[in-house]
Amino acid sequence: MVELRHAGAIITARVVWREGARAGLAAESRVPVEEILSASQAPGLQLTAVDVPQAAPRAKTRSHDDHRIRSRMMEFVWVGAIGVSLAGGAAYLVVEALSAPMARVSAALSTPAS
């Protein structure tokens, strides 16, 4: 966002493109073109762009396939973790359900017959 002030006029705009010292702006409100053109002859209205250093490019750009493979691996891990949890819960329930009858059978087999 930029704000331009000159001769009482204030223009608020968003930079939509930039090439060197030139830029294209999209204003939020109506631009007083006549006032700007008449004031453009004045030496005070010289707009210049400052070169902004660009961010360093990534060492390796990620492709769509990289993201897809990563998401499939995460899905596999989560499905595996849920499966292991369900199997552990089922094993616990089976052990609990069979422990009392097996204890009775073991007790019955260990007592001597009279």
PDB file of N, CA and C in Angstrom:
ATOM      1  N   MET A   1       0.846  -1.178   0.000  1.00  0.00           N
ATOM      2  CA  MET A   1       0.000   0.000   0.000  1.00  0.00           C
ATOM      3  C   MET A   1       0.889   1.237   0.000  1.00  0.00           C
ATOM      4  N   VAL A   2       0.507   2.219  -0.775  1.00  0.00           N
ATOM      5  CA  VAL A   2       1.227   3.484  -0.805  1.00  0.00           C
ATOM      6  C   VAL A   2       0.222   4.604  -0.629  1.00  0.00           C
ATOM      7  N   GLU A   3       0.720   5.725  -0.136  1.00  0.00           N
ATOM      8  CA  GLU A   3      -0.102   6.920   0.015  1.00  0.00           C
ATOM      9  C   GLU A   3       0.640   8.071  -0.650  1.00  0.00           C
ATOM     10  N   LEU A   4       0.007   8.682  -1.642  1.00  0.00           N
ATOM     11  CA  LEU A   4       0.609   9.795  -2.366  1.00  0.00           C
ATOM     12  C   LEU A   4      -0.078  11.078  -1.925  1.00  0.00           C
ATOM     13  N   ARG A   5       0.720  12.087  -1.561  1.00  0.00           N
ATOM     14  CA  ARG A   5       0.185  13.388  -1.134  1.00  0.00           C
ATOM     15  C   ARG A   5       0.841  14.473  -1.971  1.00  0.00           C
ATOM     16  N   HIS A   6       0.004  15.327  -2.575  1.00  0.00           N
ATOM     17  CA  HIS A   6       0.532  16.457  -3.320  1.00  0.00           C
ATOM     18  C   HIS A   6      -0.572  17.485  -3.514  1.00  0.00           C
ATOM     19  N   ALA A   7      -0.259  18.716  -3.197  1.00  0.00           N
ATOM     20  CA  ALA A   7      -1.169  19.849  -3.378  1.00  0.00           C
ATOM     21  C   ALA A   7      -2.540  19.564  -2.774  1.00  0.00           C
ATOM     22  N   GLY A   8      -2.569  19.003  -1.586  1.00  0.00           N
ATOM     23  CA  GLY A   8      -3.831  18.765  -0.901  1.00  0.00           C
ATOM     24  C   GLY A   8      -4.542  17.487  -1.309  1.00  0.00           C
ATOM     25  N   ALA A   9      -4.089  16.830  -2.345  1.00  0.00           N
ATOM     26  CA  ALA A   9      -4.716  15.587  -2.776  1.00  0.00           C
ATOM     27  C   ALA A   9      -4.006  14.405  -2.117  1.00  0.00           C
ATOM     28  N   ILE A  10      -4.793  13.461  -1.632  1.00  0.00           N
ATOM     29  CA  ILE A  10      -4.248  12.255  -1.016  1.00  0.00           C
ATOM     30  C   ILE A  10      -4.812  11.067  -1.788  1.00  0.00           C
ATOM     31  N   ILE A  11      -3.920  10.227  -2.290  1.00  0.00           N
ATOM     32  CA  ILE A  11      -4.328   9.039  -3.036  1.00  0.00           C
ATOM     33  C   ILE A  11      -3.741   7.828  -2.319  1.00  0.00           C
ATOM     34  N   THR A  12      -4.605   6.932  -1.920  1.00  0.00           N
ATOM     35  CA  THR A  12      -4.179   5.677  -1.305  1.00  0.00           C
ATOM     36  C   THR A  12      -4.351   4.594  -2.352  1.00  0.00           C
ATOM     37  N   ALA A  13      -3.299   3.817  -2.577  1.00  0.00           N
ATOM     38  CA  ALA A  13      -3.341   2.806  -3.634  1.00  0.00           C
ATOM     39  C   ALA A  13      -2.514   1.590  -3.247  1.00  0.00           C
ATOM     40  N   ARG A  14      -2.730   0.517  -3.994  1.00  0.00           N
ATOM     41  CA  ARG A  14      -1.991  -0.737  -3.821  1.00  0.00           C
ATOM     42  C   ARG A  14      -1.121  -0.935  -5.057  1.00  0.00           C
ATOM     43  N   VAL A  15       0.138  -1.309  -4.864  1.00  0.00           N
ATOM     44  CA  VAL A  15       1.051  -1.567  -5.980  1.00  0.00           C
ATOM     45  C   VAL A  15       0.659  -2.907  -6.593  1.00  0.00           C
ATOM     46  N   VAL A  16       0.344  -2.910  -7.909  1.00  0.00           N
ATOM     47  CA  VAL A  16      -0.065  -4.145  -8.574  1.00  0.00           C
ATOM     48  C   VAL A  16       1.026  -4.695  -9.485  1.00  0.00           C
ATOM     49  N   TRP A  17       1.953  -3.862  -9.921  1.00  0.00           N
ATOM     50  CA  TRP A  17       3.108  -4.333 -10.692  1.00  0.00           C
ATOM     51  C   TRP A  17       4.234  -3.337 -10.537  1.00  0.00           C
ATOM     52  N   ARG A  18       5.466  -3.806 -10.805  1.00  0.00           N
ATOM     53  CA  ARG A  18       6.627  -2.938 -10.689  1.00  0.00           C
ATOM     54  C   ARG A  18       7.669  -3.399 -11.690  1.00  0.00           C
ATOM     55  N   GLU A  19       8.225  -2.464 -12.425  1.00  0.00           N
ATOM     56  CA  GLU A  19       9.316  -2.710 -13.374  1.00  0.00           C
ATOM     57  C   GLU A  19      10.324  -1.599 -13.204  1.00  0.00           C
ATOM     58  N   GLY A  20      11.432  -1.915 -12.553  1.00  0.00           N
ATOM     59  CA  GLY A  20      12.456  -0.895 -12.336  1.00  0.00           C
ATOM     60  C   GLY A  20      11.913   0.237 -11.490  1.00  0.00           C
ATOM     61  N   ALA A  21      11.964   1.469 -12.037  1.00  0.00           N
ATOM     62  CA  ALA A  21      11.491   2.639 -11.300  1.00  0.00           C
ATOM     63  C   ALA A  21      10.024   2.941 -11.593  1.00  0.00           C
ATOM     64  N   ARG A  22       9.360   2.105 -12.372  1.00  0.00           N
ATOM     65  CA  ARG A  22       7.946   2.313 -12.707  1.00  0.00           C
ATOM     66  C   ARG A  22       7.077   1.324 -11.942  1.00  0.00           C
ATOM     67  N   ALA A  23       5.871   1.760 -11.614  1.00  0.00           N
ATOM     68  CA  ALA A  23       4.950   0.891 -10.880  1.00  0.00           C
ATOM     69  C   ALA A  23       3.527   1.190 -11.304  1.00  0.00           C
ATOM     70  N   GLY A  24       2.693   0.172 -11.257  1.00  0.00           N
ATOM     71  CA  GLY A  24       1.266   0.334 -11.522  1.00  0.00           C
ATOM     72  C   GLY A  24       0.515   0.290 -10.208  1.00  0.00           C
ATOM     73  N   LEU A  25      -0.409   1.226 -10.024  1.00  0.00           N
ATOM     74  CA  LEU A  25      -1.142   1.339  -8.771  1.00  0.00           C
ATOM     75  C   LEU A  25      -2.625   1.132  -9.004  1.00  0.00           C
ATOM     76  N   ALA A  26      -3.302   0.533  -8.054  1.00  0.00           N
ATOM     77  CA  ALA A  26      -4.757   0.405  -8.052  1.00  0.00           C
ATOM     78  C   ALA A  26      -5.255   1.238  -6.884  1.00  0.00           C
ATOM     79  N   ALA A  27      -5.927   2.351  -7.191  1.00  0.00           N
ATOM     80  CA  ALA A  27      -6.389   3.276  -6.161  1.00  0.00           C
ATOM     81  C   ALA A  27      -7.664   2.762  -5.510  1.00  0.00           C
ATOM     82  N   GLU A  28      -7.853   3.131  -4.234  1.00  0.00           N
ATOM     83  CA  GLU A  28      -9.051   2.731  -3.509  1.00  0.00           C
ATOM     84  C   GLU A  28     -10.236   3.633  -3.829  1.00  0.00           C
ATOM     85  N   SER A  29      -9.964   4.862  -4.228  1.00  0.00           N
ATOM     86  CA  SER A  29     -11.052   5.799  -4.535  1.00  0.00           C
ATOM     87  C   SER A  29     -10.757   6.499  -5.859  1.00  0.00           C
ATOM     88  N   ARG A  30     -11.649   7.392  -6.262  1.00  0.00           N
ATOM     89  CA  ARG A  30     -11.518   8.118  -7.522  1.00  0.00           C
ATOM     90  C   ARG A  30     -10.266   8.996  -7.492  1.00  0.00           C
ATOM     91  N   VAL A  31      -9.502   8.973  -8.569  1.00  0.00           N
ATOM     92  CA  VAL A  31      -8.258   9.736  -8.655  1.00  0.00           C
ATOM     93  C   VAL A  31      -8.540  11.053  -9.377  1.00  0.00           C
ATOM     94  N   PRO A  32      -8.146  12.211  -8.783  1.00  0.00           N
ATOM     95  CA  PRO A  32      -8.367  13.514  -9.438  1.00  0.00           C
ATOM     96  C   PRO A  32      -7.346  13.742 -10.563  1.00  0.00           C
ATOM     97  N   VAL A  33      -7.634  13.194 -11.730  1.00  0.00           N
ATOM     98  CA  VAL A  33      -6.680  13.196 -12.837  1.00  0.00           C
ATOM     99  C   VAL A  33      -6.344  14.626 -13.276  1.00  0.00           C
ATOM    100  N   GLU A  34      -7.351  15.503 -13.385  1.00  0.00           N
ATOM    101  CA  GLU A  34      -7.100  16.871 -13.840  1.00  0.00           C
ATOM    102  C   GLU A  34      -6.134  17.592 -12.914  1.00  0.00           C
ATOM    103  N   GLU A  35      -6.326  17.443 -11.612  1.00  0.00           N
ATOM    104  CA  GLU A  35      -5.438  18.103 -10.656  1.00  0.00           C
ATOM    105  C   GLU A  35      -4.014  17.551 -10.764  1.00  0.00           C
ATOM    106  N   ILE A  36      -3.906  16.278 -10.966  1.00  0.00           N
ATOM    107  CA  ILE A  36      -2.579  15.667 -11.069  1.00  0.00           C
ATOM    108  C   ILE A  36      -1.872  16.141 -12.326  1.00  0.00           C
ATOM    109  N   LEU A  37      -2.598  16.189 -13.446  1.00  0.00           N
ATOM    110  CA  LEU A  37      -1.988  16.634 -14.705  1.00  0.00           C
ATOM    111  C   LEU A  37      -1.556  18.087 -14.634  1.00  0.00           C
ATOM    112  N   SER A  38      -2.369  18.924 -14.013  1.00  0.00           N
ATOM    113  CA  SER A  38      -1.983  20.334 -13.917  1.00  0.00           C
ATOM    114  C   SER A  38      -0.819  20.525 -12.946  1.00  0.00           C
ATOM    115  N   ALA A  39      -0.753  19.699 -11.927  1.00  0.00           N
ATOM    116  CA  ALA A  39       0.332  19.814 -10.958  1.00  0.00           C
ATOM    117  C   ALA A  39       1.579  19.078 -11.417  1.00  0.00           C
ATOM    118  N   SER A  40       1.465  18.252 -12.453  1.00  0.00           N
ATOM    119  CA  SER A  40       2.615  17.459 -12.881  1.00  0.00           C
ATOM    120  C   SER A  40       3.726  18.322 -13.461  1.00  0.00           C
ATOM    121  N   GLN A  41       3.426  19.542 -13.835  1.00  0.00           N
ATOM    122  CA  GLN A  41       4.452  20.433 -14.341  1.00  0.00           C
ATOM    123  C   GLN A  41       5.308  21.002 -13.209  1.00  0.00           C
ATOM    124  N   ALA A  42       4.799  20.893 -11.986  1.00  0.00           N
ATOM    125  CA  ALA A  42       5.535  21.432 -10.840  1.00  0.00           C
ATOM    126  C   ALA A  42       6.733  20.530 -10.529  1.00  0.00           C
ATOM    127  N   PRO A  43       7.868  21.136 -10.137  1.00  0.00           N
ATOM    128  CA  PRO A  43       9.045  20.327  -9.846  1.00  0.00           C
ATOM    129  C   PRO A  43       8.892  19.463  -8.595  1.00  0.00           C
ATOM    130  N   GLY A  44       7.924  19.768  -7.727  1.00  0.00           N
ATOM    131  CA  GLY A  44       7.753  19.001  -6.492  1.00  0.00           C
ATOM    132  C   GLY A  44       7.136  17.629  -6.708  1.00  0.00           C
ATOM    133  N   LEU A  45       6.557  17.380  -7.870  1.00  0.00           N
ATOM    134  CA  LEU A  45       5.891  16.114  -8.112  1.00  0.00           C
ATOM    135  C   LEU A  45       6.782  15.205  -8.945  1.00  0.00           C
ATOM    136  N   GLN A  46       7.778  14.688  -8.343  1.00  0.00           N
ATOM    137  CA  GLN A  46       8.670  13.727  -8.986  1.00  0.00           C
ATOM    138  C   GLN A  46       8.630  12.446  -8.147  1.00  0.00           C
ATOM    139  N   LEU A  47       7.970  11.452  -8.667  1.00  0.00           N
ATOM    140  CA  LEU A  47       7.858  10.188  -7.950  1.00  0.00           C
ATOM    141  C   LEU A  47       8.980   9.267  -8.394  1.00  0.00           C
ATOM    142  N   THR A  48       9.657   8.690  -7.431  1.00  0.00           N
ATOM    143  CA  THR A  48      10.722   7.744  -7.743  1.00  0.00           C
ATOM    144  C   THR A  48      10.493   6.476  -6.939  1.00  0.00           C
ATOM    145  N   ALA A  49      10.919   5.378  -7.484  1.00  0.00           N
ATOM    146  CA  ALA A  49      10.801   4.097  -6.796  1.00  0.00           C
ATOM    147  C   ALA A  49      12.152   3.720  -6.203  1.00  0.00           C
ATOM    148  N   VAL A  50      12.114   3.137  -5.051  1.00  0.00           N
ATOM    149  CA  VAL A  50      13.325   2.683  -4.387  1.00  0.00           C
ATOM    150  C   VAL A  50      13.442   1.186  -4.629  1.00  0.00           C
ATOM    151  N   ASP A  51      14.622   0.744  -5.029  1.00  0.00           N
ATOM    152  CA  ASP A  51      14.827  -0.680  -5.238  1.00  0.00           C
ATOM    153  C   ASP A  51      14.829  -1.392  -3.888  1.00  0.00           C
ATOM    154  N   VAL A  52      13.940  -2.355  -3.757  1.00  0.00           N
ATOM    155  CA  VAL A  52      13.848  -3.154  -2.537  1.00  0.00           C
ATOM    156  C   VAL A  52      14.571  -4.462  -2.802  1.00  0.00           C
ATOM    157  N   PRO A  53      15.498  -4.837  -1.924  1.00  0.00           N
ATOM    158  CA  PRO A  53      16.206  -6.108  -2.160  1.00  0.00           C
ATOM    159  C   PRO A  53      15.229  -7.274  -2.128  1.00  0.00           C
ATOM    160  N   GLN A  54      15.381  -8.163  -3.085  1.00  0.00           N
ATOM    161  CA  GLN A  54      14.516  -9.334  -3.174  1.00  0.00           C
ATOM    162  C   GLN A  54      15.005 -10.408  -2.212  1.00  0.00           C
ATOM    163  N   ALA A  55      14.072 -11.202  -1.730  1.00  0.00           N
ATOM    164  CA  ALA A  55      14.426 -12.303  -0.834  1.00  0.00           C
ATOM    165  C   ALA A  55      15.205 -13.350  -1.620  1.00  0.00           C
ATOM    166  N   ALA A  56      16.096 -14.005  -0.932  1.00  0.00           N
ATOM    167  CA  ALA A  56      16.902 -15.056  -1.581  1.00  0.00           C
ATOM    168  C   ALA A  56      15.985 -16.200  -1.997  1.00  0.00           C
ATOM    169  N   PRO A  57      16.194 -16.739  -3.178  1.00  0.00           N
ATOM    170  CA  PRO A  57      15.339 -17.845  -3.614  1.00  0.00           C
ATOM    171  C   PRO A  57      15.601 -19.096  -2.790  1.00  0.00           C
ATOM    172  N   ARG A  58      14.604 -19.951  -2.741  1.00  0.00           N
ATOM    173  CA  ARG A  58      14.759 -21.207  -2.015  1.00  0.00           C
ATOM    174  C   ARG A  58      15.814 -22.055  -2.679  1.00  0.00           C
ATOM    175  N   ALA A  59      16.485 -22.851  -1.862  1.00  0.00           N
ATOM    176  CA  ALA A  59      17.510 -23.734  -2.405  1.00  0.00           C
ATOM    177  C   ALA A  59      16.881 -24.751  -3.359  1.00  0.00           C
ATOM    178  N   LYS A  60      15.717 -25.277  -2.970  1.00  0.00           N
ATOM    179  CA  LYS A  60      15.024 -26.241  -3.823  1.00  0.00           C
ATOM    180  C   LYS A  60      13.539 -25.936  -3.758  1.00  0.00           C
ATOM    181  N   THR A  61      12.941 -25.715  -4.895  1.00  0.00           N
ATOM    182  CA  THR A  61      11.506 -25.486  -4.896  1.00  0.00           C
ATOM    183  C   THR A  61      10.799 -26.828  -4.824  1.00  0.00           C
ATOM    184  N   ARG A  62       9.724 -26.862  -4.092  1.00  0.00           N
ATOM    185  CA  ARG A  62       8.984 -28.099  -3.919  1.00  0.00           C
ATOM    186  C   ARG A  62       7.920 -28.213  -5.006  1.00  0.00           C
ATOM    187  N   SER A  63       7.794 -29.400  -5.520  1.00  0.00           N
ATOM    188  CA  SER A  63       6.790 -29.617  -6.554  1.00  0.00           C
ATOM    189  C   SER A  63       5.516 -30.153  -5.920  1.00  0.00           C
ATOM    190  N   HIS A  64       4.481 -30.217  -6.732  1.00  0.00           N
ATOM    191  CA  HIS A  64       3.193 -30.739  -6.284  1.00  0.00           C
ATOM    192  C   HIS A  64       3.344 -32.200  -5.863  1.00  0.00           C
ATOM    193  N   ASP A  65       4.200 -32.951  -6.579  1.00  0.00           N
ATOM    194  CA  ASP A  65       4.409 -34.362  -6.256  1.00  0.00           C
ATOM    195  C   ASP A  65       5.065 -34.523  -4.890  1.00  0.00           C
ATOM    196  N   ASP A  66       5.991 -33.615  -4.524  1.00  0.00           N
ATOM    197  CA  ASP A  66       6.623 -33.681  -3.205  1.00  0.00           C
ATOM    198  C   ASP A  66       5.576 -33.538  -2.101  1.00  0.00           C
ATOM    199  N   HIS A  67       4.663 -32.600  -2.271  1.00  0.00           N
ATOM    200  CA  HIS A  67       3.616 -32.383  -1.273  1.00  0.00           C
ATOM    201  C   HIS A  67       2.681 -33.589  -1.212  1.00  0.00           C
ATOM    202  N   ARG A  68       2.367 -34.160  -2.359  1.00  0.00           N
ATOM    203  CA  ARG A  68       1.480 -35.323  -2.400  1.00  0.00           C
ATOM    204  C   ARG A  68       2.136 -36.512  -1.695  1.00  0.00           C
ATOM    205  N   ILE A  69       3.413 -36.749  -1.943  1.00  0.00           N
ATOM    206  CA  ILE A  69       4.110 -37.873  -1.303  1.00  0.00           C
ATOM    207  C   ILE A  69       4.171 -37.661   0.207  1.00  0.00           C
ATOM    208  N   ARG A  70       4.478 -36.441   0.620  1.00  0.00           N
ATOM    209  CA  ARG A  70       4.552 -36.146   2.053  1.00  0.00           C
ATOM    210  C   ARG A  70       3.190 -36.354   2.725  1.00  0.00           C
ATOM    211  N   SER A  71       2.115 -35.921   2.086  1.00  0.00           N
ATOM    212  CA  SER A  71       0.791 -36.084   2.683  1.00  0.00           C
ATOM    213  C   SER A  71       0.398 -37.553   2.728  1.00  0.00           C
ATOM    214  N   ARG A  72       0.768 -38.335   1.723  1.00  0.00           N
ATOM    215  CA  ARG A  72       0.471 -39.767   1.753  1.00  0.00           C
ATOM    216  C   ARG A  72       1.247 -40.468   2.858  1.00  0.00           C
ATOM    217  N   MET A  73       2.499 -40.075   3.083  1.00  0.00           N
ATOM    218  CA  MET A  73       3.278 -40.666   4.172  1.00  0.00           C
ATOM    219  C   MET A  73       2.644 -40.349   5.526  1.00  0.00           C
ATOM    220  N   MET A  74       2.218 -39.114   5.699  1.00  0.00           N
ATOM    221  CA  MET A  74       1.571 -38.727   6.962  1.00  0.00           C
ATOM    222  C   MET A  74       0.274 -39.514   7.159  1.00  0.00           C
ATOM    223  N   GLU A  75      -0.497 -39.673   6.086  1.00  0.00           N
ATOM    224  CA  GLU A  75      -1.735 -40.441   6.174  1.00  0.00           C
ATOM    225  C   GLU A  75      -1.428 -41.894   6.559  1.00  0.00           C
ATOM    226  N   PHE A  76      -0.412 -42.489   5.962  1.00  0.00           N
ATOM    227  CA  PHE A  76      -0.016 -43.868   6.275  1.00  0.00           C
ATOM    228  C   PHE A  76       0.366 -43.993   7.745  1.00  0.00           C
ATOM    229  N   VAL A  77       1.142 -43.038   8.249  1.00  0.00           N
ATOM    230  CA  VAL A  77       1.568 -43.082   9.650  1.00  0.00           C
ATOM    231  C   VAL A  77       0.364 -42.994  10.577  1.00  0.00           C
ATOM    232  N   TRP A  78      -0.565 -42.079  10.286  1.00  0.00           N
ATOM    233  CA  TRP A  78      -1.742 -41.931  11.155  1.00  0.00           C
ATOM    234  C   TRP A  78      -2.644 -43.157  11.106  1.00  0.00           C
ATOM    235  N   VAL A  79      -2.853 -43.716   9.920  1.00  0.00           N
ATOM    236  CA  VAL A  79      -3.679 -44.918   9.818  1.00  0.00           C
ATOM    237  C   VAL A  79      -3.005 -46.070  10.566  1.00  0.00           C
ATOM    238  N   GLY A  80      -1.688 -46.193  10.459  1.00  0.00           N
ATOM    239  CA  GLY A  80      -0.962 -47.221  11.196  1.00  0.00           C
ATOM    240  C   GLY A  80      -1.082 -47.042  12.695  1.00  0.00           C
ATOM    241  N   ALA A  81      -0.935 -45.807  13.169  1.00  0.00           N
ATOM    242  CA  ALA A  81      -1.034 -45.535  14.605  1.00  0.00           C
ATOM    243  C   ALA A  81      -2.433 -45.855  15.127  1.00  0.00           C
ATOM    244  N   ILE A  82      -3.451 -45.515  14.368  1.00  0.00           N
ATOM    245  CA  ILE A  82      -4.828 -45.818  14.783  1.00  0.00           C
ATOM    246  C   ILE A  82      -5.047 -47.328  14.784  1.00  0.00           C
ATOM    247  N   GLY A  83      -4.508 -48.018  13.772  1.00  0.00           N
ATOM    248  CA  GLY A  83      -4.645 -49.476  13.716  1.00  0.00           C
ATOM    249  C   GLY A  83      -3.985 -50.160  14.887  1.00  0.00           C
ATOM    250  N   VAL A  84      -2.773 -49.715  15.235  1.00  0.00           N
ATOM    251  CA  VAL A  84      -2.060 -50.298  16.377  1.00  0.00           C
ATOM    252  C   VAL A  84      -2.835 -50.042  17.667  1.00  0.00           C
ATOM    253  N   SER A  85      -3.383 -48.855  17.819  1.00  0.00           N
ATOM    254  CA  SER A  85      -4.167 -48.537  19.018  1.00  0.00           C
ATOM    255  C   SER A  85      -5.407 -49.412  19.117  1.00  0.00           C
ATOM    256  N   LEU A  86      -6.112 -49.596  18.008  1.00  0.00           N
ATOM    257  CA  LEU A  86      -7.308 -50.438  18.022  1.00  0.00           C
ATOM    258  C   LEU A  86      -6.958 -51.898  18.295  1.00  0.00           C
ATOM    259  N   ALA A  87      -5.853 -52.385  17.715  1.00  0.00           N
ATOM    260  CA  ALA A  87      -5.436 -53.769  17.952  1.00  0.00           C
ATOM    261  C   ALA A  87      -5.060 -53.962  19.421  1.00  0.00           C
ATOM    262  N   GLY A  88      -4.367 -53.007  20.008  1.00  0.00           N
ATOM    263  CA  GLY A  88      -4.016 -53.099  21.422  1.00  0.00           C
ATOM    264  C   GLY A  88      -5.240 -53.101  22.314  1.00  0.00           C
ATOM    265  N   GLY A  89      -6.212 -52.243  21.993  1.00  0.00           N
ATOM    266  CA  GLY A  89      -7.456 -52.220  22.776  1.00  0.00           C
ATOM    267  C   GLY A  89      -8.228 -53.517  22.653  1.00  0.00           C
ATOM    268  N   ALA A  90      -8.286 -54.087  21.445  1.00  0.00           N
ATOM    269  CA  ALA A  90      -8.987 -55.363  21.241  1.00  0.00           C
ATOM    270  C   ALA A  90      -8.278 -56.476  22.002  1.00  0.00           C
ATOM    271  N   ALA A  91      -6.946 -56.513  21.989  1.00  0.00           N
ATOM    272  CA  ALA A  91      -6.197 -57.537  22.723  1.00  0.00           C
ATOM    273  C   ALA A  91      -6.452 -57.429  24.219  1.00  0.00           C
ATOM    274  N   TYR A  92      -6.494 -56.221  24.729  1.00  0.00           N
ATOM    275  CA  TYR A  92      -6.772 -56.011  26.157  1.00  0.00           C
ATOM    276  C   TYR A  92      -8.159 -56.540  26.510  1.00  0.00           C
ATOM    277  N   LEU A  93      -9.153 -56.249  25.669  1.00  0.00           N
ATOM    278  CA  LEU A  93     -10.516 -56.714  25.938  1.00  0.00           C
ATOM    279  C   LEU A  93     -10.600 -58.241  25.897  1.00  0.00           C
ATOM    280  N   VAL A  94      -9.897 -58.881  24.973  1.00  0.00           N
ATOM    281  CA  VAL A  94      -9.909 -60.344  24.894  1.00  0.00           C
ATOM    282  C   VAL A  94      -9.261 -60.949  26.134  1.00  0.00           C
ATOM    283  N   VAL A  95      -8.130 -60.403  26.554  1.00  0.00           N
ATOM    284  CA  VAL A  95      -7.450 -60.909  27.762  1.00  0.00           C
ATOM    285  C   VAL A  95      -8.349 -60.750  28.976  1.00  0.00           C
ATOM    286  N   GLU A  96      -9.002 -59.603  29.117  1.00  0.00           N
ATOM    287  CA  GLU A  96      -9.891 -59.373  30.258  1.00  0.00           C
ATOM    288  C   GLU A  96     -11.089 -60.318  30.221  1.00  0.00           C
ATOM    289  N   ALA A  97     -11.626 -60.554  29.030  1.00  0.00           N
ATOM    290  CA  ALA A  97     -12.805 -61.416  28.915  1.00  0.00           C
ATOM    291  C   ALA A  97     -12.461 -62.872  29.204  1.00  0.00           C
ATOM    292  N   LEU A  98     -11.272 -63.312  28.850  1.00  0.00           N
ATOM    293  CA  LEU A  98     -10.910 -64.718  29.040  1.00  0.00           C
ATOM    294  C   LEU A  98     -10.178 -65.007  30.341  1.00  0.00           C
ATOM    295  N   SER A  99      -9.735 -63.994  31.068  1.00  0.00           N
ATOM    296  CA  SER A  99      -8.932 -64.246  32.272  1.00  0.00           C
ATOM    297  C   SER A  99      -9.745 -64.916  33.374  1.00  0.00           C
ATOM    298  N   ALA A 100     -10.980 -64.529  33.620  1.00  0.00           N
ATOM    299  CA  ALA A 100     -11.784 -65.138  34.697  1.00  0.00           C
ATOM    300  C   ALA A 100     -12.111 -66.598  34.367  1.00  0.00           C
ATOM    301  N   PRO A 101     -12.621 -66.925  33.155  1.00  0.00           N
ATOM    302  CA  PRO A 101     -12.891 -68.345  32.874  1.00  0.00           C
ATOM    303  C   PRO A 101     -11.622 -69.192  32.894  1.00  0.00           C
ATOM    304  N   MET A 102     -10.518 -68.676  32.408  1.00  0.00           N
ATOM    305  CA  MET A 102      -9.274 -69.445  32.411  1.00  0.00           C
ATOM    306  C   MET A 102      -8.784 -69.668  33.839  1.00  0.00           C
ATOM    307  N   ALA A 103      -8.995 -68.717  34.727  1.00  0.00           N
ATOM    308  CA  ALA A 103      -8.605 -68.879  36.134  1.00  0.00           C
ATOM    309  C   ALA A 103      -9.434 -69.986  36.771  1.00  0.00           C
ATOM    310  N   ARG A 104     -10.732 -70.055  36.448  1.00  0.00           N
ATOM    311  CA  ARG A 104     -11.579 -71.118  36.996  1.00  0.00           C
ATOM    312  C   ARG A 104     -11.146 -72.488  36.470  1.00  0.00           C
ATOM    313  N   VAL A 105     -10.833 -72.550  35.161  1.00  0.00           N
ATOM    314  CA  VAL A 105     -10.384 -73.809  34.570  1.00  0.00           C
ATOM    315  C   VAL A 105      -9.075 -74.235  35.215  1.00  0.00           C
ATOM    316  N   SER A 106      -8.161 -73.303  35.405  1.00  0.00           N
ATOM    317  CA  SER A 106      -6.867 -73.617  36.010  1.00  0.00           C
ATOM    318  C   SER A 106      -7.059 -74.091  37.453  1.00  0.00           C
ATOM    319  N   ALA A 107      -7.959 -73.454  38.175  1.00  0.00           N
ATOM    320  CA  ALA A 107      -8.215 -73.842  39.561  1.00  0.00           C
ATOM    321  C   ALA A 107      -8.841 -75.226  39.606  1.00  0.00           C
ATOM    322  N   ALA A 108      -9.749 -75.511  38.664  1.00  0.00           N
ATOM    323  CA  ALA A 108     -10.409 -76.810  38.644  1.00  0.00           C
ATOM    324  C   ALA A 108      -9.414 -77.919  38.307  1.00  0.00           C
ATOM    325  N   LEU A 109      -8.449 -77.624  37.451  1.00  0.00           N
ATOM    326  CA  LEU A 109      -7.484 -78.645  37.057  1.00  0.00           C
ATOM    327  C   LEU A 109      -6.418 -78.866  38.124  1.00  0.00           C
ATOM    328  N   SER A 110      -6.168 -77.893  38.962  1.00  0.00           N
ATOM    329  CA  SER A 110      -5.094 -78.023  39.941  1.00  0.00           C
ATOM    330  C   SER A 110      -5.578 -78.661  41.238  1.00  0.00           C
ATOM    331  N   THR A 111      -6.870 -78.737  41.494  1.00  0.00           N
ATOM    332  CA  THR A 111      -7.356 -79.373  42.722  1.00  0.00           C
ATOM    333  C   THR A 111      -7.387 -80.882  42.528  1.00  0.00           C
ATOM    334  N   PRO A 112      -6.950 -81.645  43.528  1.00  0.00           N
ATOM    335  CA  PRO A 112      -6.962 -83.096  43.384  1.00  0.00           C
ATOM    336  C   PRO A 112      -8.393 -83.636  43.463  1.00  0.00           C
ATOM    337  N   ALA A 113      -8.626 -84.636  42.700  1.00  0.00           N
ATOM    338  CA  ALA A 113      -9.963 -85.245  42.683  1.00  0.00           C
ATOM    339  C   ALA A 113     -10.086 -86.156  43.896  1.00  0.00           C
ATOM    340  N   SER A 114     -11.220 -86.167  44.571  1.00  0.00           N
ATOM    341  CA  SER A 114     -11.356 -86.996  45.743  1.00  0.00           C
ATOM    342  C   SER A 114     -12.130 -88.259  45.490  1.00  0.00           C
TER     343      SER A 114
END
